[in-house]
Protein backbone atom coordinates (compact mmCIF):
# COMPACT_ATOMS: atom_id res chain seq x y z
CA MET A 1 30.95 11.17 -20.26
CA THR A 2 33.35 13.20 -18.16
CA HIS A 3 33.69 12.84 -14.51
CA ARG A 4 32.22 16.40 -14.08
CA SER A 5 29.35 15.86 -16.34
CA ARG A 6 28.59 12.51 -14.60
CA THR A 7 28.85 14.28 -11.29
CA GLN A 8 26.69 16.94 -12.31
CA ARG A 9 24.01 14.58 -13.80
CA LEU A 10 23.60 12.49 -10.78
CA ALA A 11 23.35 15.47 -8.57
CA LEU A 12 20.42 16.51 -10.70
CA LEU A 13 18.93 13.04 -10.57
CA SER A 14 19.28 13.04 -6.94
CA ALA A 15 17.53 16.26 -6.12
CA SER A 16 15.04 15.51 -8.63
CA THR A 17 14.43 12.20 -7.25
CA ALA A 18 14.22 13.36 -3.73
CA LEU A 19 11.37 16.03 -4.72
CA VAL A 20 9.47 13.39 -7.21
CA THR A 21 9.54 10.50 -4.82
CA GLY A 22 8.76 12.26 -1.58
CA GLY A 23 5.36 11.02 -1.41
CA LEU A 24 6.26 7.22 -2.17
CA LEU A 25 8.12 6.08 1.12
CA PRO A 26 6.04 5.73 4.12
CA SER A 27 6.11 8.91 6.31
CA ALA A 28 7.40 6.96 9.29
CA THR A 29 10.90 7.39 7.15
CA ALA A 30 10.70 11.08 7.09
CA PHE A 31 11.30 10.89 3.45
CA ALA A 32 9.71 14.27 2.56
CA ALA A 33 10.51 16.51 -0.43
CA PRO A 34 13.62 18.46 0.48
CA ALA A 35 13.37 22.23 1.61
CA HIS A 36 16.82 23.16 0.30
CA ALA A 37 16.47 25.82 -2.47
CA THR A 38 18.61 24.08 -4.81
CA ALA A 39 16.87 20.95 -4.64
CA VAL A 40 13.56 22.56 -5.18
CA ALA A 41 14.74 24.32 -8.35
CA ALA A 42 16.08 21.37 -9.80
CA ALA A 43 12.46 19.87 -9.95
CA ALA A 44 8.79 20.91 -9.56
CA ALA A 45 6.05 18.57 -8.14
CA ALA A 46 2.54 19.16 -8.62
CA PRO A 47 -0.66 17.13 -7.87
CA THR A 48 -2.01 15.14 -10.75
CA PRO A 49 -5.44 13.23 -11.38
CA THR A 50 -6.11 9.91 -9.58
CA PRO A 51 -4.33 7.16 -11.89
CA THR A 52 -6.76 4.87 -13.90
CA SER A 53 -7.38 2.01 -11.84
CA THR A 54 -9.69 -1.14 -11.29
CA ARG A 55 -10.11 -3.39 -8.23
CA PRO A 56 -9.63 -7.08 -9.02
CA ALA A 57 -11.31 -9.45 -6.76
CA GLN A 58 -8.00 -10.07 -4.69
CA GLY A 59 -8.13 -6.34 -3.67
CA ALA A 60 -5.34 -5.10 -5.43
CA VAL A 61 -5.79 -1.80 -7.57
CA LYS A 62 -4.53 -1.97 -11.16
CA THR A 63 -2.76 1.25 -11.57
CA THR A 64 -1.84 2.73 -14.74
CA ASP A 65 0.53 5.62 -15.95
CA PRO A 66 -1.42 6.78 -18.55
CA PRO A 67 1.05 8.70 -20.74
CA SER A 68 3.22 5.25 -21.11
CA GLY A 69 0.34 2.60 -20.45
CA ILE A 70 2.76 1.04 -17.86
CA THR A 71 0.61 -0.63 -15.28
CA ALA A 72 1.02 -2.34 -11.88
CA GLN A 73 -1.09 -3.99 -9.04
CA LEU A 74 -0.91 -1.87 -5.92
CA PRO A 75 -2.40 -2.64 -2.39
CA GLY A 76 -4.73 0.12 -2.54
CA LYS A 77 -5.30 3.67 -4.19
CA ALA A 78 -2.23 5.03 -5.43
CA LYS A 79 -1.13 8.61 -4.33
CA VAL A 80 0.45 10.55 -7.40
CA ARG A 81 3.41 12.75 -7.77
CA MET A 82 4.98 14.19 -10.72
CA GLY A 83 8.00 16.53 -11.66
CA ALA A 84 10.50 17.20 -13.98
CA ILE A 85 14.24 16.24 -13.65
CA PRO A 86 16.37 18.81 -15.72
CA MET A 87 18.82 16.95 -18.28
CA GLU A 88 21.39 17.94 -21.02
CA GLY A 89 19.26 19.47 -23.77
CA GLY A 90 16.03 19.44 -21.80
CA SER A 91 14.21 17.91 -18.94
CA VAL A 92 12.49 14.60 -18.32
CA ASP A 93 9.03 14.29 -16.86
CA ALA A 94 8.85 11.69 -13.98
CA ARG A 95 5.54 10.16 -12.28
CA VAL A 96 5.44 8.34 -9.16
CA TYR A 97 2.61 5.86 -7.87
CA GLY A 98 2.91 5.16 -4.42
CA VAL A 99 0.65 3.25 -1.53
CA GLU A 100 1.36 3.41 2.13
CA THR A 101 0.20 0.22 3.58
CA PRO A 102 0.35 -0.98 7.50
CA ASP A 103 3.87 -2.63 6.70
CA GLY A 104 5.39 0.19 4.99
CA ALA A 105 4.99 1.62 1.38
CA THR A 106 5.24 0.33 -2.02
CA GLY A 107 5.01 1.80 -5.65
CA PHE A 108 6.62 2.48 -9.05
CA ALA A 109 7.83 5.61 -11.02
CA VAL A 110 8.09 6.23 -14.69
CA TYR A 111 10.73 8.43 -16.12
CA ASP A 112 10.12 9.80 -19.68
CA MET A 113 13.34 9.01 -21.42
CA PRO A 114 15.16 5.96 -22.93
CA GLY A 115 16.27 3.91 -20.25
CA ASP A 116 20.00 3.47 -21.33
CA GLN A 117 20.25 7.32 -21.20
CA ILE A 118 21.44 6.85 -17.60
CA PRO A 119 23.31 3.66 -16.44
CA LEU A 120 20.94 1.75 -14.03
CA GLU A 121 24.03 1.82 -11.45
CA ASP A 122 23.96 5.78 -11.75
CA ALA A 123 19.95 5.59 -11.21
CA LEU A 124 20.37 3.47 -8.19
CA LYS A 125 23.15 5.82 -6.76
CA GLY A 126 20.72 8.91 -7.58
CA PHE A 127 18.08 7.17 -5.35
CA VAL A 128 20.38 6.71 -2.31
CA ASP A 129 22.01 10.27 -2.58
CA ALA A 130 18.28 11.58 -2.82
CA TYR A 131 17.44 9.67 0.25
CA GLY A 132 20.38 11.69 2.05
CA LEU A 133 18.91 15.10 0.66
CA THR A 134 15.46 14.46 2.45
CA GLY A 135 17.13 13.93 5.84
CA GLY A 136 15.75 10.59 6.18
CA GLY A 137 18.77 9.10 7.57
CA THR A 138 21.65 6.78 6.02
CA LEU A 139 20.51 4.28 3.28
CA THR A 140 22.83 1.44 1.80
CA THR A 141 22.53 -0.83 -0.88
CA GLU A 142 23.23 -4.57 -0.82
CA ASN A 143 22.94 -7.56 -3.08
CA VAL A 144 23.35 -5.55 -6.06
CA HIS A 145 22.76 -7.58 -9.35
CA LYS A 146 21.72 -7.01 -12.90
CA THR A 147 18.88 -9.05 -14.40
CA THR A 148 16.51 -8.84 -17.31
CA VAL A 149 12.87 -8.49 -17.20
CA ASP A 150 10.91 -9.45 -20.60
CA GLY A 151 14.51 -8.98 -22.59
CA ARG A 152 14.75 -5.44 -20.59
CA PRO A 153 17.94 -4.68 -18.62
CA ALA A 154 17.25 -4.30 -15.32
CA LEU A 155 19.03 -3.75 -11.90
CA ASP A 156 17.86 -5.28 -8.59
CA ALA A 157 19.03 -4.10 -4.91
CA SER A 158 18.24 -4.49 -1.36
CA LEU A 159 17.95 -1.44 0.70
CA THR A 160 18.97 -0.98 4.57
CA GLY A 161 18.30 2.30 5.97
CA GLU A 162 18.74 3.87 9.69
CA GLY A 163 16.44 6.82 10.32
CA PRO A 164 14.51 8.62 12.98
CA ASP A 165 12.38 5.81 13.59
CA GLY A 166 14.70 2.98 13.70
CA PRO A 167 15.94 0.60 11.11
CA ALA A 168 14.22 0.02 7.88
CA VAL A 169 14.58 -2.13 4.69
CA GLY A 170 13.42 -2.33 1.25
CA SER A 171 14.05 -3.60 -2.24
CA ILE A 172 14.34 -1.65 -5.39
CA ARG A 173 14.50 -2.45 -9.21
CA PHE A 174 15.29 -0.39 -12.01
CA ILE A 175 14.15 -1.29 -15.55
CA SER A 176 15.37 0.17 -18.80
CA ASP A 177 12.87 0.23 -21.67
CA ASP A 178 13.08 1.98 -25.28
CA ASP A 179 11.19 5.03 -24.25
CA HIS A 180 11.10 4.59 -20.37
CA LEU A 181 13.25 4.22 -17.12
CA VAL A 182 11.03 2.43 -14.75
CA MET A 183 11.57 2.13 -10.96
CA ALA A 184 9.67 -0.38 -8.51
CA LEU A 185 10.25 0.28 -4.73
CA THR A 186 9.15 -1.30 -1.57
CA TYR A 187 10.45 0.09 1.81
CA GLY A 188 9.40 -0.16 5.57
CA PRO A 189 10.53 -0.92 9.10
CA GLU A 190 12.89 -3.76 9.52
CA ALA A 191 10.54 -5.87 11.58
CA LYS A 192 8.21 -6.08 8.58
CA GLN A 193 10.87 -7.47 6.30
CA LYS A 194 9.02 -10.77 5.47
CA ASP A 195 5.76 -9.08 4.32
CA LEU A 196 7.70 -6.26 2.69
CA ASP A 197 9.32 -8.89 0.49
CA ALA A 198 5.91 -10.50 -0.48
CA THR A 199 4.69 -7.11 -1.20
CA HIS A 200 7.59 -6.56 -3.28
CA GLN A 201 7.39 -9.39 -5.31
CA GLN A 202 3.79 -9.02 -5.77
CA LEU A 203 4.68 -5.64 -7.25
CA LEU A 204 7.30 -6.96 -9.80
CA ASN A 205 4.94 -9.79 -10.58
CA SER A 206 2.32 -7.29 -11.66
CA LEU A 207 4.60 -4.81 -13.45
CA GLN A 208 3.78 -4.64 -17.26
CA ILE A 209 5.36 -2.76 -19.40
CA PRO A 210 3.87 -2.34 -23.07
């Protein structure tokens, strides 16, 4: 991959991620869909039906991404956002399932493409760049490390941000599957870090990829 094509791909990924994941992070971070025309042109978002879910005894909601069968337990009824990411030779559909909580927000996203189509490090960079596109302030990554999830390549990172409402922290994981790229994210105020860490761990533990 040439430097130019990699830069173009990251630009598209960033703009599209900003639009698609605009409904995932808590409103307190001002992480909204970008108004910039090129970013809007890079992806289209539309409401989708409520995800298939059941409510286990512990109060979590089992949320299913119908096209892929990927599921996770979320602490409430998910808001759903979808869009398309322009890629070489076509576009990639993406769906985001997010829940706001008193501590922040958590959720997961499913991208309909082979997980190795984009290096996980590039996916992480695209997300960080997307945060900047939305005007949410600065976002940096720490403790970035590769791992595996049920034999699938994965990348974990801690997030720190500085937005209009003060310091924020979070955790993110990208998982590379044969047919999908999956993102799990938890984010919120720095003062709630302990609770956010527990929420993210619950999300990771419950995430199931068929």
